[in-house]
N, C-alpha and C. Protein backbone atom coordinates (compact mmCIF):
# COMPACT_ATOMS: atom_id res chain seq x y z
N MET A 1 -19.62 -42.32 14.46
CA MET A 1 -20.16 -42.06 15.79
C MET A 1 -21.28 -43.06 16.10
N LYS A 2 -21.27 -43.58 17.29
CA LYS A 2 -22.27 -44.58 17.68
C LYS A 2 -23.64 -43.95 17.91
N GLU A 3 -24.64 -44.73 17.61
CA GLU A 3 -26.01 -44.34 17.92
C GLU A 3 -26.20 -44.41 19.43
N VAL A 4 -27.10 -43.59 19.95
CA VAL A 4 -27.36 -43.59 21.40
C VAL A 4 -27.83 -44.97 21.84
N SER A 5 -28.64 -45.64 21.04
CA SER A 5 -29.12 -46.97 21.43
C SER A 5 -27.96 -47.96 21.58
N GLU A 6 -26.94 -47.83 20.74
CA GLU A 6 -25.75 -48.70 20.86
C GLU A 6 -25.00 -48.41 22.15
N ILE A 7 -24.91 -47.15 22.51
CA ILE A 7 -24.24 -46.77 23.75
C ILE A 7 -25.02 -47.29 24.95
N ILE A 8 -26.34 -47.20 24.89
CA ILE A 8 -27.18 -47.73 25.98
C ILE A 8 -26.92 -49.22 26.15
N ILE A 9 -26.89 -49.95 25.06
CA ILE A 9 -26.66 -51.40 25.13
C ILE A 9 -25.31 -51.69 25.77
N GLU A 10 -24.29 -50.95 25.39
CA GLU A 10 -22.96 -51.15 25.99
C GLU A 10 -22.99 -50.86 27.49
N ARG A 11 -23.61 -49.76 27.87
CA ARG A 11 -23.65 -49.35 29.28
C ARG A 11 -24.38 -50.37 30.14
N LEU A 12 -25.41 -50.96 29.60
CA LEU A 12 -26.21 -51.90 30.38
C LEU A 12 -25.66 -53.32 30.31
N GLY A 13 -24.52 -53.49 29.67
CA GLY A 13 -23.90 -54.81 29.52
C GLY A 13 -23.67 -55.53 30.82
N GLU A 14 -23.36 -54.79 31.87
CA GLU A 14 -23.07 -55.44 33.15
C GLU A 14 -24.32 -56.05 33.80
N LEU A 15 -25.49 -55.77 33.24
CA LEU A 15 -26.72 -56.41 33.73
C LEU A 15 -26.83 -57.85 33.25
N ASN A 16 -25.99 -58.23 32.27
CA ASN A 16 -26.07 -59.57 31.68
C ASN A 16 -27.52 -59.92 31.34
N ALA A 17 -28.16 -59.01 30.65
CA ALA A 17 -29.58 -59.15 30.34
C ALA A 17 -29.86 -60.33 29.42
N GLU A 18 -30.92 -61.06 29.74
CA GLU A 18 -31.40 -62.12 28.87
C GLU A 18 -32.07 -61.51 27.65
N LYS A 19 -32.64 -60.32 27.85
CA LYS A 19 -33.29 -59.59 26.76
C LYS A 19 -33.05 -58.11 27.00
N LEU A 20 -32.65 -57.42 25.96
CA LEU A 20 -32.50 -55.97 26.02
C LEU A 20 -32.95 -55.43 24.68
N GLU A 21 -34.08 -54.78 24.70
CA GLU A 21 -34.67 -54.22 23.49
C GLU A 21 -34.82 -52.73 23.68
N ILE A 22 -34.32 -51.96 22.73
CA ILE A 22 -34.42 -50.51 22.79
C ILE A 22 -35.10 -50.02 21.52
N VAL A 23 -36.13 -49.24 21.70
CA VAL A 23 -36.86 -48.67 20.57
C VAL A 23 -36.69 -47.16 20.62
N ASP A 24 -36.19 -46.59 19.54
CA ASP A 24 -36.03 -45.14 19.42
C ASP A 24 -37.37 -44.58 18.93
N GLU A 25 -38.04 -43.86 19.81
CA GLU A 25 -39.35 -43.28 19.48
C GLU A 25 -39.25 -41.78 19.23
N SER A 26 -38.05 -41.30 18.99
CA SER A 26 -37.82 -39.85 18.85
C SER A 26 -38.68 -39.22 17.77
N GLU A 27 -38.85 -39.90 16.67
CA GLU A 27 -39.61 -39.34 15.55
C GLU A 27 -41.05 -39.02 15.94
N LYS A 28 -41.61 -39.79 16.86
CA LYS A 28 -42.99 -39.56 17.31
C LYS A 28 -43.12 -38.26 18.09
N HIS A 29 -42.00 -37.73 18.59
CA HIS A 29 -42.04 -36.59 19.50
C HIS A 29 -41.45 -35.32 18.91
N ARG A 30 -41.12 -35.33 17.64
CA ARG A 30 -40.57 -34.14 16.99
C ARG A 30 -41.55 -32.97 17.13
N GLY A 31 -41.01 -31.83 17.51
CA GLY A 31 -41.82 -30.62 17.56
C GLY A 31 -42.50 -30.33 18.87
N HIS A 32 -42.54 -31.27 19.80
CA HIS A 32 -43.19 -30.92 21.08
C HIS A 32 -42.22 -30.13 21.94
N ALA A 33 -42.75 -29.38 22.86
CA ALA A 33 -41.94 -28.52 23.72
C ALA A 33 -40.90 -29.34 24.46
N GLY A 34 -39.66 -28.91 24.42
CA GLY A 34 -38.59 -29.59 25.14
C GLY A 34 -38.00 -30.78 24.43
N SER A 35 -38.42 -31.05 23.21
CA SER A 35 -37.92 -32.25 22.53
C SER A 35 -36.54 -32.08 21.93
N GLY A 36 -36.07 -30.88 21.79
CA GLY A 36 -34.78 -30.64 21.15
C GLY A 36 -33.61 -31.19 21.95
N GLY A 37 -32.65 -31.75 21.24
CA GLY A 37 -31.40 -32.14 21.88
C GLY A 37 -31.27 -33.57 22.30
N GLY A 38 -32.32 -34.23 22.64
CA GLY A 38 -32.20 -35.61 23.10
C GLY A 38 -33.30 -36.48 22.55
N GLY A 39 -33.04 -37.77 22.51
CA GLY A 39 -34.00 -38.70 21.96
C GLY A 39 -34.97 -39.27 22.98
N HIS A 40 -36.00 -39.88 22.46
CA HIS A 40 -37.02 -40.57 23.26
C HIS A 40 -36.84 -42.06 23.03
N TYR A 41 -36.66 -42.80 24.10
CA TYR A 41 -36.41 -44.24 23.98
C TYR A 41 -37.32 -45.01 24.91
N CYS A 42 -37.66 -46.21 24.47
CA CYS A 42 -38.43 -47.16 25.27
C CYS A 42 -37.61 -48.44 25.33
N MET A 43 -37.41 -48.97 26.52
CA MET A 43 -36.59 -50.18 26.63
C MET A 43 -37.29 -51.24 27.45
N THR A 44 -37.03 -52.47 27.05
CA THR A 44 -37.41 -53.64 27.83
C THR A 44 -36.12 -54.35 28.17
N VAL A 45 -35.90 -54.57 29.46
CA VAL A 45 -34.69 -55.25 29.90
C VAL A 45 -35.07 -56.34 30.90
N VAL A 46 -34.53 -57.53 30.67
CA VAL A 46 -34.81 -58.69 31.50
C VAL A 46 -33.49 -59.17 32.08
N SER A 47 -33.38 -59.14 33.41
CA SER A 47 -32.12 -59.50 34.04
C SER A 47 -32.35 -60.10 35.43
N ASP A 48 -31.51 -61.08 35.78
CA ASP A 48 -31.52 -61.63 37.14
C ASP A 48 -31.12 -60.59 38.17
N ARG A 49 -30.41 -59.55 37.73
CA ARG A 49 -29.98 -58.50 38.66
C ARG A 49 -31.15 -57.78 39.30
N PHE A 50 -32.33 -57.88 38.71
CA PHE A 50 -33.51 -57.21 39.25
C PHE A 50 -34.21 -58.04 40.33
N SER A 51 -33.78 -59.27 40.54
CA SER A 51 -34.41 -60.13 41.55
C SER A 51 -34.31 -59.47 42.92
N GLY A 52 -35.44 -59.43 43.60
CA GLY A 52 -35.49 -58.87 44.95
C GLY A 52 -35.49 -57.36 45.00
N GLN A 53 -35.51 -56.70 43.84
CA GLN A 53 -35.51 -55.24 43.80
C GLN A 53 -36.89 -54.70 43.46
N SER A 54 -37.22 -53.59 44.06
CA SER A 54 -38.48 -52.92 43.73
C SER A 54 -38.36 -52.31 42.33
N LEU A 55 -39.48 -51.95 41.77
CA LEU A 55 -39.49 -51.30 40.47
C LEU A 55 -38.66 -50.02 40.51
N MET A 56 -38.79 -49.26 41.58
CA MET A 56 -38.03 -48.02 41.71
C MET A 56 -36.53 -48.29 41.76
N ALA A 57 -36.12 -49.32 42.48
CA ALA A 57 -34.70 -49.66 42.56
C ALA A 57 -34.16 -50.09 41.20
N ARG A 58 -34.96 -50.81 40.45
CA ARG A 58 -34.56 -51.24 39.11
C ARG A 58 -34.33 -50.03 38.20
N HIS A 59 -35.28 -49.08 38.27
CA HIS A 59 -35.15 -47.88 37.46
C HIS A 59 -33.94 -47.06 37.88
N ARG A 60 -33.72 -46.95 39.17
CA ARG A 60 -32.55 -46.22 39.65
C ARG A 60 -31.26 -46.84 39.15
N LEU A 61 -31.21 -48.16 39.14
CA LEU A 61 -30.03 -48.86 38.65
C LEU A 61 -29.77 -48.51 37.18
N VAL A 62 -30.81 -48.59 36.36
CA VAL A 62 -30.67 -48.29 34.94
C VAL A 62 -30.31 -46.81 34.73
N TYR A 63 -31.03 -45.91 35.40
CA TYR A 63 -30.73 -44.49 35.26
C TYR A 63 -29.31 -44.17 35.72
N GLY A 64 -28.85 -44.83 36.76
CA GLY A 64 -27.49 -44.63 37.23
C GLY A 64 -26.46 -45.00 36.19
N MET A 65 -26.72 -46.06 35.44
CA MET A 65 -25.79 -46.51 34.40
C MET A 65 -25.80 -45.57 33.19
N LEU A 66 -26.85 -44.78 33.07
CA LEU A 66 -27.01 -43.90 31.91
C LEU A 66 -27.02 -42.42 32.28
N SER A 67 -26.65 -42.11 33.51
CA SER A 67 -26.84 -40.75 34.04
C SER A 67 -26.26 -39.64 33.16
N ASP A 68 -25.07 -39.82 32.64
CA ASP A 68 -24.49 -38.75 31.82
C ASP A 68 -25.23 -38.59 30.49
N LEU A 69 -25.79 -39.67 29.97
CA LEU A 69 -26.57 -39.59 28.72
C LEU A 69 -27.88 -38.85 28.93
N MET A 70 -28.42 -38.92 30.16
CA MET A 70 -29.69 -38.28 30.46
C MET A 70 -29.57 -36.76 30.43
N LYS A 71 -28.38 -36.24 30.50
CA LYS A 71 -28.17 -34.79 30.50
C LYS A 71 -28.19 -34.19 29.11
N LYS A 72 -27.97 -35.01 28.08
CA LYS A 72 -27.86 -34.47 26.73
C LYS A 72 -28.49 -35.36 25.65
N ASP A 73 -28.14 -36.64 25.66
CA ASP A 73 -28.52 -37.53 24.56
C ASP A 73 -29.89 -38.17 24.71
N ILE A 74 -30.38 -38.28 25.93
CA ILE A 74 -31.68 -38.90 26.18
C ILE A 74 -32.59 -37.86 26.84
N HIS A 75 -33.67 -37.55 26.15
CA HIS A 75 -34.67 -36.62 26.70
C HIS A 75 -35.70 -37.37 27.54
N ALA A 76 -36.08 -38.56 27.07
CA ALA A 76 -37.09 -39.36 27.76
C ALA A 76 -36.73 -40.84 27.61
N LEU A 77 -36.95 -41.58 28.70
CA LEU A 77 -36.64 -43.00 28.71
C LEU A 77 -37.72 -43.75 29.46
N ALA A 78 -38.43 -44.61 28.75
CA ALA A 78 -39.43 -45.48 29.39
C ALA A 78 -38.75 -46.83 29.61
N ILE A 79 -38.81 -47.32 30.84
CA ILE A 79 -38.12 -48.56 31.20
C ILE A 79 -39.12 -49.61 31.64
N ARG A 80 -39.02 -50.78 31.02
CA ARG A 80 -39.76 -51.96 31.48
C ARG A 80 -38.69 -52.93 31.94
N ALA A 81 -38.55 -53.09 33.24
CA ALA A 81 -37.48 -53.91 33.82
C ALA A 81 -38.08 -55.11 34.54
N TYR A 82 -37.70 -56.30 34.09
CA TYR A 82 -38.27 -57.54 34.61
C TYR A 82 -37.17 -58.52 35.01
N THR A 83 -37.52 -59.38 35.95
CA THR A 83 -36.69 -60.57 36.19
C THR A 83 -37.10 -61.57 35.10
N PRO A 84 -36.28 -62.58 34.86
CA PRO A 84 -36.66 -63.57 33.85
C PRO A 84 -38.01 -64.23 34.12
N SER A 85 -38.29 -64.56 35.38
CA SER A 85 -39.57 -65.23 35.67
C SER A 85 -40.76 -64.26 35.47
N GLU A 86 -40.59 -62.99 35.81
CA GLU A 86 -41.66 -62.01 35.57
C GLU A 86 -41.94 -61.87 34.08
N TYR A 87 -40.86 -61.81 33.31
CA TYR A 87 -41.02 -61.64 31.87
C TYR A 87 -41.69 -62.88 31.26
N GLN A 88 -41.27 -64.04 31.72
CA GLN A 88 -41.85 -65.29 31.22
C GLN A 88 -43.35 -65.33 31.50
N SER A 89 -43.75 -64.92 32.70
CA SER A 89 -45.18 -64.96 33.04
C SER A 89 -45.97 -63.94 32.23
N LYS A 90 -45.36 -62.82 31.86
CA LYS A 90 -46.04 -61.83 31.01
C LYS A 90 -46.24 -62.36 29.59
N GLN A 91 -45.37 -63.25 29.14
CA GLN A 91 -45.45 -63.80 27.81
C GLN A 91 -46.49 -64.91 27.69
N SER A 92 -46.89 -65.45 28.82
CA SER A 92 -47.84 -66.58 28.83
C SER A 92 -49.27 -66.11 28.71
């Protein structure tokens, strides 16, 4: 059976991301209220598809690609979505 992070990577494949990093932070959240059943993930995704889109639109796009996973496999998802030029300037 595939890990949730592997499924996320497959689902986001159509973004043709220059960078896609997913960190499973589930262990940090064990035992808190509502943590049962789904994992906690933090992702950084860099894609030209985000050009001209607001932060909210970028998040909607990602959540839309993962919507069925959000019902069971993902309890929390932190998204850092950048265009290549935004990401490059953050690295400088």
